[in-house]
Structures are given as structure tokens and as C-alpha cells.
């Protein structure tokens, strides 16, 4: 019974994360460079600290749930479907914690428009990966 619910749970989580990353990319990160230039470094630091803390409460549990779901499905041997899904999740975790978290730390320490633009540019890869992940989960759910 639990196994039957996991693909649906994975689909819901993938959809939530894809929606979240597109919102962040287009409605949050896109405004960082302008916010730094208009509000100044100190105001941006305060905003950014609040943003990263709040986003952690939203994205953290979703990412952990996504990881748990893909590991459970992969562990139950659903073959290539979940191998690809696990690979996408691994790529997302590497990108998030290998590139984006350190970049946020640098931006917090020394806000600059150039660094904010770099964050926006690098986040397009993560946006694409979560979009591909959602498409893959939809396909795997329908054909699995």
C-alpha cells in the first residue's frame, strides 16, 4: 500500500519544488541585483538573512521528502525510472549545496550586483533540473 502511494507523493513533491524554484528564479532572485543597488549592502544583508532562513523552512523539508521518496522507490527496485530520478536528485543536491549555498554565503558576506547576477545565472541550471525532474516524474508515474 505504501509503495503505491510513493509515486504519487513523489509527483506532488516534484511539482511543489518545480513551482518553488520557478517562483524563486523569476520573482525573488531576479530582483537581487536591483535590490542591492537601490537599498544598499546593509539593507540587502538583513533582507537576505531573513530570506534564506525563511526559504530553509520551505525548501528544506520538501527536499528531504523528495530525497526520502526517491531513495525508497529506488530501494524497492523500480529500475531505470528511479535510477534516473535519483540521479536528478543527486545533481540537484550537488548544485544546491555545492554551488548555491556557498554563493549565498558569499552574497551575505559581501553583497554585490555582480555576485547577485551570478546567483541568478547559476540558478537557471537548478531551475532547469527541477523542471526536468518534474517532467521525468510525470512520465515515470504514467508509464511506471
C-alpha atoms as a PDB file:
ATOM      1  CA  UNK A   1       0.000   0.000   0.000  1.00  0.00           C
ATOM      2  CA  UNK A   2       2.736   2.464   0.974  1.00  0.00           C
ATOM      3  CA  UNK A   3       4.627   1.646  -2.232  1.00  0.00           C
ATOM      4  CA  UNK A   4       1.555   2.562  -4.287  1.00  0.00           C
ATOM      5  CA  UNK A   5       1.405   5.991  -2.651  1.00  0.00           C
ATOM      6  CA  UNK A   6       5.097   6.809  -3.081  1.00  0.00           C
ATOM      7  CA  UNK A   7       4.947   7.629  -6.807  1.00  0.00           C
ATOM      8  CA  UNK A   8       2.022   9.971  -6.158  1.00  0.00           C
ATOM      9  CA  UNK A   9       3.835  11.548  -3.211  1.00  0.00           C
ATOM     10  CA  UNK A  10       6.939  11.955  -5.360  1.00  0.00           C
ATOM     11  CA  UNK A  11       4.834  13.649  -8.049  1.00  0.00           C
ATOM     12  CA  UNK A  12       3.356  16.123  -5.557  1.00  0.00           C
ATOM     13  CA  UNK A  13       6.778  16.927  -4.092  1.00  0.00           C
ATOM     14  CA  UNK A  14       8.390  17.310  -7.526  1.00  0.00           C
ATOM     15  CA  UNK A  15       5.597  19.664  -8.556  1.00  0.00           C
ATOM     16  CA  UNK A  16       5.966  21.714  -5.389  1.00  0.00           C
ATOM     17  CA  UNK A  17       9.734  22.014  -5.834  1.00  0.00           C
ATOM     18  CA  UNK A  18       9.479  22.897  -9.519  1.00  0.00           C
ATOM     19  CA  UNK A  19       6.891  25.577  -8.727  1.00  0.00           C
ATOM     20  CA  UNK A  20       9.013  26.882  -5.887  1.00  0.00           C
ATOM     21  CA  UNK A  21      12.207  27.145  -7.946  1.00  0.00           C
ATOM     22  CA  UNK A  22      10.438  28.957 -10.802  1.00  0.00           C
ATOM     23  CA  UNK A  23       8.940  31.404  -8.291  1.00  0.00           C
ATOM     24  CA  UNK A  24      12.327  31.984  -6.682  1.00  0.00           C
ATOM     25  CA  UNK A  25      14.055  32.404 -10.043  1.00  0.00           C
ATOM     26  CA  UNK A  26      11.557  34.841 -11.544  1.00  0.00           C
ATOM     27  CA  UNK A  27      10.158  36.682  -8.522  1.00  0.00           C
ATOM     28  CA  UNK A  28      12.993  36.667  -5.974  1.00  0.00           C
ATOM     29  CA  UNK A  29      16.489  36.180  -7.393  1.00  0.00           C
ATOM     30  CA  UNK A  30      15.779  38.347 -10.433  1.00  0.00           C
ATOM     31  CA  UNK A  31      15.355  41.322  -8.099  1.00  0.00           C
ATOM     32  CA  UNK A  32      18.511  40.784  -6.016  1.00  0.00           C
ATOM     33  CA  UNK A  33      20.869  42.909  -8.162  1.00  0.00           C
ATOM     34  CA  UNK A  34      18.423  45.827  -8.235  1.00  0.00           C
ATOM     35  CA  UNK A  35      17.730  45.496  -4.519  1.00  0.00           C
ATOM     36  CA  UNK A  36      21.444  45.743  -3.742  1.00  0.00           C
ATOM     37  CA  UNK A  37      21.855  48.846  -5.907  1.00  0.00           C
ATOM     38  CA  UNK A  38      18.736  50.584  -4.574  1.00  0.00           C
ATOM     39  CA  UNK A  39      18.706  49.584  -0.916  1.00  0.00           C
ATOM     40  CA  UNK A  40      22.417  49.176  -0.280  1.00  0.00           C
ATOM     41  CA  UNK A  41      24.532  46.361   1.096  1.00  0.00           C
ATOM     42  CA  UNK A  42      23.395  46.570   4.728  1.00  0.00           C
ATOM     43  CA  UNK A  43      19.684  46.533   3.910  1.00  0.00           C
ATOM     44  CA  UNK A  44      20.254  43.677   1.469  1.00  0.00           C
ATOM     45  CA  UNK A  45      22.135  41.682   4.137  1.00  0.00           C
ATOM     46  CA  UNK A  46      19.180  41.978   6.513  1.00  0.00           C
ATOM     47  CA  UNK A  47      16.703  41.010   3.781  1.00  0.00           C
ATOM     48  CA  UNK A  48      18.887  38.153   2.545  1.00  0.00           C
ATOM     49  CA  UNK A  49      19.346  36.707   6.035  1.00  0.00           C
ATOM     50  CA  UNK A  50      15.569  36.689   6.526  1.00  0.00           C
ATOM     51  CA  UNK A  51      15.017  35.252   3.054  1.00  0.00           C
ATOM     52  CA  UNK A  52      17.481  32.362   3.437  1.00  0.00           C
ATOM     53  CA  UNK A  53      16.136  31.451   6.878  1.00  0.00           C
ATOM     54  CA  UNK A  54      12.525  31.502   5.666  1.00  0.00           C
ATOM     55  CA  UNK A  55      13.347  29.618   2.462  1.00  0.00           C
ATOM     56  CA  UNK A  56      15.087  26.947   4.501  1.00  0.00           C
ATOM     57  CA  UNK A  57      11.816  26.251   6.306  1.00  0.00           C
ATOM     58  CA  UNK A  58      10.025  25.815   2.977  1.00  0.00           C
ATOM     59  CA  UNK A  59      12.604  24.150   0.719  1.00  0.00           C
ATOM     60  CA  UNK A  60      14.394  22.044   3.341  1.00  0.00           C
ATOM     61  CA  UNK A  61      11.502  19.730   4.248  1.00  0.00           C
ATOM     62  CA  UNK A  62      10.469  19.417   0.591  1.00  0.00           C
ATOM     63  CA  UNK A  63      13.990  18.489  -0.482  1.00  0.00           C
ATOM     64  CA  UNK A  64      14.292  15.942   2.352  1.00  0.00           C
ATOM     65  CA  UNK A  65      10.913  14.455   1.441  1.00  0.00           C
ATOM     66  CA  UNK A  66      11.968  14.262  -2.220  1.00  0.00           C
ATOM     67  CA  UNK A  67      15.193  12.514  -1.236  1.00  0.00           C
ATOM     68  CA  UNK A  68      13.354  10.059   1.014  1.00  0.00           C
ATOM     69  CA  UNK A  69      10.792   9.260  -1.692  1.00  0.00           C
ATOM     70  CA  UNK A  70      13.354   8.691  -4.428  1.00  0.00           C
ATOM     71  CA  UNK A  71      15.523   6.564  -2.126  1.00  0.00           C
ATOM     72  CA  UNK A  72      12.529   4.486  -1.082  1.00  0.00           C
ATOM     73  CA  UNK A  73      11.442   3.954  -4.677  1.00  0.00           C
ATOM     74  CA  UNK A  74      14.990   3.177  -5.813  1.00  0.00           C
ATOM     75  CA  UNK A  75      15.407   0.805  -2.881  1.00  0.00           C
ATOM     76  CA  UNK A  76      12.277  -1.042  -3.943  1.00  0.00           C
ATOM     77  CA  UNK A  77      13.915  -1.714  -7.292  1.00  0.00           C
ATOM     78  CA  UNK A  78      11.752   0.057  -9.809  1.00  0.00           C
ATOM     79  CA  UNK A  79      14.648   0.022 -12.240  1.00  0.00           C
ATOM     80  CA  UNK A  80      15.713   2.785 -14.584  1.00  0.00           C
ATOM     81  CA  UNK A  81      12.771   5.019 -13.659  1.00  0.00           C
ATOM     82  CA  UNK A  82      14.081   5.653 -10.211  1.00  0.00           C
ATOM     83  CA  UNK A  83      17.738   5.444 -11.174  1.00  0.00           C
ATOM     84  CA  UNK A  84      17.255   8.472 -13.404  1.00  0.00           C
ATOM     85  CA  UNK A  85      15.147  10.148 -10.744  1.00  0.00           C
ATOM     86  CA  UNK A  86      17.818   9.514  -8.124  1.00  0.00           C
ATOM     87  CA  UNK A  87      20.473  10.888 -10.474  1.00  0.00           C
ATOM     88  CA  UNK A  88      18.480  14.079 -10.958  1.00  0.00           C
ATOM     89  CA  UNK A  89      18.012  14.461  -7.200  1.00  0.00           C
ATOM     90  CA  UNK A  90      21.744  13.883  -6.670  1.00  0.00           C
ATOM     91  CA  UNK A  91      22.550  16.556  -9.275  1.00  0.00           C
ATOM     92  CA  UNK A  92      20.139  18.963  -7.573  1.00  0.00           C
ATOM     93  CA  UNK A  93      21.677  18.371  -4.141  1.00  0.00           C
ATOM     94  CA  UNK A  94      25.195  18.814  -5.540  1.00  0.00           C
ATOM     95  CA  UNK A  95      24.202  22.018  -7.303  1.00  0.00           C
ATOM     96  CA  UNK A  96      22.314  23.360  -4.285  1.00  0.00           C
ATOM     97  CA  UNK A  97      24.875  22.571  -1.598  1.00  0.00           C
ATOM     98  CA  UNK A  98      27.998  22.685  -3.753  1.00  0.00           C
ATOM     99  CA  UNK A  99      27.276  25.928  -5.617  1.00  0.00           C
ATOM    100  CA  UNK A 100      24.228  27.803  -4.433  1.00  0.00           C
ATOM    101  CA  UNK A 101      24.631  27.628  -0.646  1.00  0.00           C
ATOM    102  CA  UNK A 102      28.270  28.826  -0.803  1.00  0.00           C
ATOM    103  CA  UNK A 103      27.245  31.555  -3.251  1.00  0.00           C
ATOM    104  CA  UNK A 104      24.505  32.701  -0.869  1.00  0.00           C
ATOM    105  CA  UNK A 105      27.109  32.804   1.920  1.00  0.00           C
ATOM    106  CA  UNK A 106      29.384  34.985  -0.229  1.00  0.00           C
ATOM    107  CA  UNK A 107      26.459  37.224  -1.151  1.00  0.00           C
ATOM    108  CA  UNK A 108      25.545  37.567   2.525  1.00  0.00           C
ATOM    109  CA  UNK A 109      29.121  38.471   3.479  1.00  0.00           C
ATOM    110  CA  UNK A 110      29.756  40.920   0.637  1.00  0.00           C
ATOM    111  CA  UNK A 111      26.655  41.842  -1.385  1.00  0.00           C
ATOM    112  CA  UNK A 112      27.365  42.962  -4.925  1.00  0.00           C
ATOM    113  CA  UNK A 113      25.294  43.269  -8.040  1.00  0.00           C
ATOM    114  CA  UNK A 114      27.777  41.085  -9.942  1.00  0.00           C
ATOM    115  CA  UNK A 115      27.513  38.296  -7.372  1.00  0.00           C
ATOM    116  CA  UNK A 116      23.711  38.557  -7.374  1.00  0.00           C
ATOM    117  CA  UNK A 117      23.683  38.285 -11.179  1.00  0.00           C
ATOM    118  CA  UNK A 118      25.916  35.196 -10.894  1.00  0.00           C
ATOM    119  CA  UNK A 119      23.386  33.668  -8.485  1.00  0.00           C
ATOM    120  CA  UNK A 120      20.585  34.341 -10.984  1.00  0.00           C
ATOM    121  CA  UNK A 121      22.587  32.817 -13.843  1.00  0.00           C
ATOM    122  CA  UNK A 122      23.672  29.707 -11.930  1.00  0.00           C
ATOM    123  CA  UNK A 123      20.167  29.154 -10.616  1.00  0.00           C
ATOM    124  CA  UNK A 124      18.864  28.705 -14.173  1.00  0.00           C
ATOM    125  CA  UNK A 125      20.573  25.296 -14.154  1.00  0.00           C
ATOM    126  CA  UNK A 126      18.796  24.334 -10.943  1.00  0.00           C
ATOM    127  CA  UNK A 127      15.514  25.648 -12.365  1.00  0.00           C
ATOM    128  CA  UNK A 128      16.050  23.502 -15.444  1.00  0.00           C
ATOM    129  CA  UNK A 129      16.989  20.446 -13.402  1.00  0.00           C
ATOM    130  CA  UNK A 130      13.881  20.662 -11.223  1.00  0.00           C
ATOM    131  CA  UNK A 131      11.765  21.170 -14.339  1.00  0.00           C
ATOM    132  CA  UNK A 132      13.309  18.076 -15.958  1.00  0.00           C
ATOM    133  CA  UNK A 133      12.843  16.215 -12.671  1.00  0.00           C
ATOM    134  CA  UNK A 134       9.132  17.071 -12.665  1.00  0.00           C
ATOM    135  CA  UNK A 135       8.753  16.027 -16.306  1.00  0.00           C
ATOM    136  CA  UNK A 136      10.583  12.770 -15.551  1.00  0.00           C
ATOM    137  CA  UNK A 137       8.408  12.028 -12.506  1.00  0.00           C
ATOM    138  CA  UNK A 138       5.254  12.705 -14.535  1.00  0.00           C
ATOM    139  CA  UNK A 139       6.470  10.391 -17.296  1.00  0.00           C
ATOM    140  CA  UNK A 140       7.605   7.698 -14.842  1.00  0.00           C
ATOM    141  CA  UNK A 141       4.320   7.884 -12.947  1.00  0.00           C
ATOM    142  CA  UNK A 142       2.296   7.466 -16.115  1.00  0.00           C
ATOM    143  CA  UNK A 143       4.497   4.694 -17.570  1.00  0.00           C
ATOM    144  CA  UNK A 144       5.833   3.031 -14.436  1.00  0.00           C
END
